[in-house]
Amino acid sequence: MQYNTGPGTANDVTTTLSQDGSTNLIPRPKRIQSLRGGQSLFDTGTFTYDGAGNVLSVGSDTFSYPRRDNQRE
């Protein structure tokens, strides 16, 4: 998906949302990037996911989740 903001002005910015190519039924981003005249203004880097669909990383940032079997009753 791609959209432009400020077309016809000096602030013409194109933002691209690349979709994760998995066969999962939930749409997830692979990368979000904004450019003006070919210059990067914003870039998340690549999103990675685990088998449950949790975000493991976005660019160089990483995330972890507690294991379900660590819960106490």
N, C-alpha and C. Protein backbone atom coordinates (compact mmCIF):
# COMPACT_ATOMS: atom_id res chain seq x y z
N MET A 1 0.85 -1.15 0.00
CA MET A 1 0.00 0.00 0.00
C MET A 1 0.91 1.23 0.00
N GLN A 2 0.52 2.23 -0.75
CA GLN A 2 1.33 3.43 -0.86
C GLN A 2 0.41 4.64 -0.91
N TYR A 3 0.79 5.71 -0.22
CA TYR A 3 0.01 6.93 -0.32
C TYR A 3 0.92 8.14 -0.27
N ASN A 4 0.45 9.24 -0.85
CA ASN A 4 1.22 10.48 -0.92
C ASN A 4 0.54 11.54 -0.07
N THR A 5 1.35 12.35 0.59
CA THR A 5 0.85 13.52 1.31
C THR A 5 1.55 14.75 0.76
N GLY A 6 0.82 15.82 0.61
CA GLY A 6 1.38 17.06 0.11
C GLY A 6 1.76 17.04 -1.36
N PRO A 7 1.02 16.30 -2.24
CA PRO A 7 1.41 16.29 -3.66
C PRO A 7 1.32 17.68 -4.27
N GLY A 8 2.29 17.99 -5.12
CA GLY A 8 2.33 19.29 -5.78
C GLY A 8 2.94 20.37 -4.93
N THR A 9 3.43 20.01 -3.74
CA THR A 9 4.08 20.99 -2.88
C THR A 9 5.51 20.54 -2.63
N ALA A 10 6.26 21.36 -1.93
CA ALA A 10 7.64 20.99 -1.59
C ALA A 10 7.67 19.88 -0.54
N ASN A 11 6.51 19.59 0.05
CA ASN A 11 6.44 18.56 1.09
C ASN A 11 5.84 17.26 0.58
N ASP A 12 6.02 16.95 -0.68
CA ASP A 12 5.48 15.74 -1.28
C ASP A 12 6.19 14.52 -0.68
N VAL A 13 5.47 13.77 0.16
CA VAL A 13 6.05 12.62 0.85
C VAL A 13 5.28 11.37 0.43
N THR A 14 6.01 10.31 0.10
CA THR A 14 5.42 9.02 -0.23
C THR A 14 5.69 8.06 0.91
N THR A 15 4.63 7.48 1.46
CA THR A 15 4.75 6.49 2.53
C THR A 15 4.31 5.14 1.98
N THR A 16 5.16 4.13 2.16
CA THR A 16 4.89 2.79 1.68
C THR A 16 4.79 1.83 2.86
N LEU A 17 3.71 1.07 2.89
CA LEU A 17 3.52 0.02 3.89
C LEU A 17 3.63 -1.31 3.16
N SER A 18 4.76 -1.98 3.32
CA SER A 18 4.96 -3.29 2.70
C SER A 18 4.33 -4.34 3.59
N GLN A 19 3.59 -5.27 2.98
CA GLN A 19 2.90 -6.31 3.74
C GLN A 19 3.79 -7.55 3.91
N ASP A 20 3.66 -8.16 5.08
CA ASP A 20 4.34 -9.42 5.36
C ASP A 20 3.83 -10.46 4.37
N GLY A 21 4.69 -11.23 3.80
CA GLY A 21 4.30 -12.18 2.76
C GLY A 21 3.83 -13.53 3.27
N SER A 22 3.61 -13.66 4.58
CA SER A 22 3.19 -14.96 5.10
C SER A 22 1.76 -15.28 4.67
N THR A 23 1.39 -16.50 4.86
CA THR A 23 0.04 -16.93 4.49
C THR A 23 -0.94 -16.71 5.64
N ASN A 24 -0.50 -16.06 6.70
CA ASN A 24 -1.36 -15.77 7.83
C ASN A 24 -2.53 -14.90 7.36
N LEU A 25 -3.70 -15.12 7.90
CA LEU A 25 -4.89 -14.36 7.49
C LEU A 25 -4.92 -12.95 8.07
N ILE A 26 -4.08 -12.68 9.05
CA ILE A 26 -4.03 -11.35 9.65
C ILE A 26 -2.99 -10.51 8.89
N PRO A 27 -3.41 -9.39 8.29
CA PRO A 27 -2.44 -8.56 7.58
C PRO A 27 -1.45 -7.93 8.57
N ARG A 28 -0.18 -8.06 8.26
CA ARG A 28 0.87 -7.53 9.13
C ARG A 28 1.87 -6.77 8.28
N PRO A 29 2.44 -5.70 8.83
CA PRO A 29 3.44 -4.96 8.06
C PRO A 29 4.77 -5.70 8.02
N LYS A 30 5.46 -5.55 6.93
CA LYS A 30 6.83 -6.04 6.82
C LYS A 30 7.80 -4.87 7.02
N ARG A 31 7.37 -3.69 6.54
CA ARG A 31 8.21 -2.49 6.66
C ARG A 31 7.34 -1.26 6.39
N ILE A 32 7.63 -0.17 7.07
CA ILE A 32 6.96 1.11 6.83
C ILE A 32 8.05 2.14 6.55
N GLN A 33 7.89 2.84 5.42
CA GLN A 33 8.95 3.73 4.96
C GLN A 33 8.34 4.99 4.35
N SER A 34 8.91 6.16 4.70
CA SER A 34 8.48 7.43 4.10
C SER A 34 9.67 8.08 3.40
N LEU A 35 9.42 8.53 2.17
CA LEU A 35 10.47 9.16 1.35
C LEU A 35 9.99 10.50 0.81
N ARG A 36 10.91 11.43 0.70
CA ARG A 36 10.65 12.69 0.00
C ARG A 36 11.78 12.86 -1.01
N GLY A 37 11.41 12.85 -2.28
CA GLY A 37 12.43 13.01 -3.33
C GLY A 37 13.52 11.96 -3.27
N GLY A 38 13.17 10.74 -2.88
CA GLY A 38 14.15 9.66 -2.80
C GLY A 38 14.93 9.65 -1.49
N GLN A 39 14.76 10.66 -0.64
CA GLN A 39 15.47 10.72 0.64
C GLN A 39 14.59 10.11 1.74
N SER A 40 15.17 9.22 2.53
CA SER A 40 14.42 8.56 3.59
C SER A 40 14.15 9.53 4.73
N LEU A 41 12.88 9.65 5.10
CA LEU A 41 12.48 10.46 6.24
C LEU A 41 12.17 9.59 7.46
N PHE A 42 11.71 8.37 7.20
CA PHE A 42 11.32 7.44 8.26
C PHE A 42 11.39 6.04 7.70
N ASP A 43 11.94 5.13 8.50
CA ASP A 43 12.03 3.73 8.08
C ASP A 43 12.04 2.85 9.32
N THR A 44 11.04 1.99 9.45
CA THR A 44 10.99 1.11 10.61
C THR A 44 12.03 0.01 10.55
N GLY A 45 12.51 -0.31 9.35
CA GLY A 45 13.28 -1.52 9.19
C GLY A 45 12.30 -2.67 9.03
N THR A 46 12.79 -3.87 9.02
CA THR A 46 11.95 -5.04 8.77
C THR A 46 11.32 -5.56 10.07
N PHE A 47 10.02 -5.87 10.00
CA PHE A 47 9.32 -6.53 11.11
C PHE A 47 9.55 -8.03 10.98
N THR A 48 9.79 -8.72 12.10
CA THR A 48 9.81 -10.18 12.11
C THR A 48 8.82 -10.66 13.16
N TYR A 49 8.26 -11.86 12.94
CA TYR A 49 7.21 -12.41 13.79
C TYR A 49 7.54 -13.84 14.18
N ASP A 50 7.02 -14.25 15.34
CA ASP A 50 7.15 -15.66 15.71
C ASP A 50 5.95 -16.43 15.17
N GLY A 51 5.89 -17.72 15.44
CA GLY A 51 4.83 -18.56 14.91
C GLY A 51 3.43 -18.19 15.40
N ALA A 52 3.35 -17.51 16.54
CA ALA A 52 2.05 -17.09 17.09
C ALA A 52 1.63 -15.72 16.57
N GLY A 53 2.50 -15.08 15.77
CA GLY A 53 2.18 -13.77 15.23
C GLY A 53 2.67 -12.61 16.06
N ASN A 54 3.38 -12.90 17.16
CA ASN A 54 3.95 -11.83 17.98
C ASN A 54 5.11 -11.17 17.26
N VAL A 55 5.26 -9.88 17.43
CA VAL A 55 6.38 -9.15 16.84
C VAL A 55 7.66 -9.52 17.60
N LEU A 56 8.66 -10.03 16.89
CA LEU A 56 9.95 -10.35 17.50
C LEU A 56 10.94 -9.20 17.35
N SER A 57 10.85 -8.49 16.21
CA SER A 57 11.75 -7.36 16.02
C SER A 57 11.15 -6.39 15.01
N VAL A 58 11.57 -5.14 15.18
CA VAL A 58 11.27 -4.08 14.23
C VAL A 58 12.59 -3.36 14.02
N GLY A 59 13.17 -3.53 12.83
CA GLY A 59 14.51 -2.98 12.61
C GLY A 59 15.48 -3.63 13.59
N SER A 60 16.22 -2.81 14.35
CA SER A 60 17.19 -3.35 15.31
C SER A 60 16.59 -3.52 16.71
N ASP A 61 15.33 -3.13 16.91
CA ASP A 61 14.68 -3.30 18.21
C ASP A 61 14.10 -4.70 18.31
N THR A 62 14.31 -5.36 19.45
CA THR A 62 13.80 -6.72 19.64
C THR A 62 12.82 -6.76 20.81
N PHE A 63 11.93 -7.74 20.77
CA PHE A 63 10.89 -7.90 21.77
C PHE A 63 10.84 -9.35 22.21
N SER A 64 10.47 -9.57 23.47
CA SER A 64 10.30 -10.94 23.96
C SER A 64 9.01 -10.99 24.77
N TYR A 65 8.51 -12.18 24.94
CA TYR A 65 7.24 -12.40 25.61
C TYR A 65 7.41 -13.51 26.62
N PRO A 66 6.72 -13.40 27.75
CA PRO A 66 6.82 -14.51 28.73
C PRO A 66 6.19 -15.77 28.17
N ARG A 67 6.76 -16.90 28.52
CA ARG A 67 6.20 -18.16 28.08
C ARG A 67 4.93 -18.44 28.84
N ARG A 68 3.98 -19.02 28.18
CA ARG A 68 2.68 -19.31 28.83
C ARG A 68 2.83 -20.32 29.94
N ASP A 69 3.77 -21.24 29.82
CA ASP A 69 3.90 -22.28 30.85
C ASP A 69 4.60 -21.77 32.10
N ASN A 70 5.00 -20.50 32.13
CA ASN A 70 5.62 -19.93 33.33
C ASN A 70 4.58 -19.34 34.27
N GLN A 71 3.33 -19.37 33.90
CA GLN A 71 2.29 -18.79 34.75
C GLN A 71 1.97 -19.72 35.93
N ARG A 72 1.72 -19.09 37.07
CA ARG A 72 1.37 -19.87 38.26
C ARG A 72 -0.13 -19.83 38.48
N GLU A 73 -0.63 -20.87 39.09
CA GLU A 73 -2.06 -20.92 39.41
C GLU A 73 -2.29 -20.48 40.83
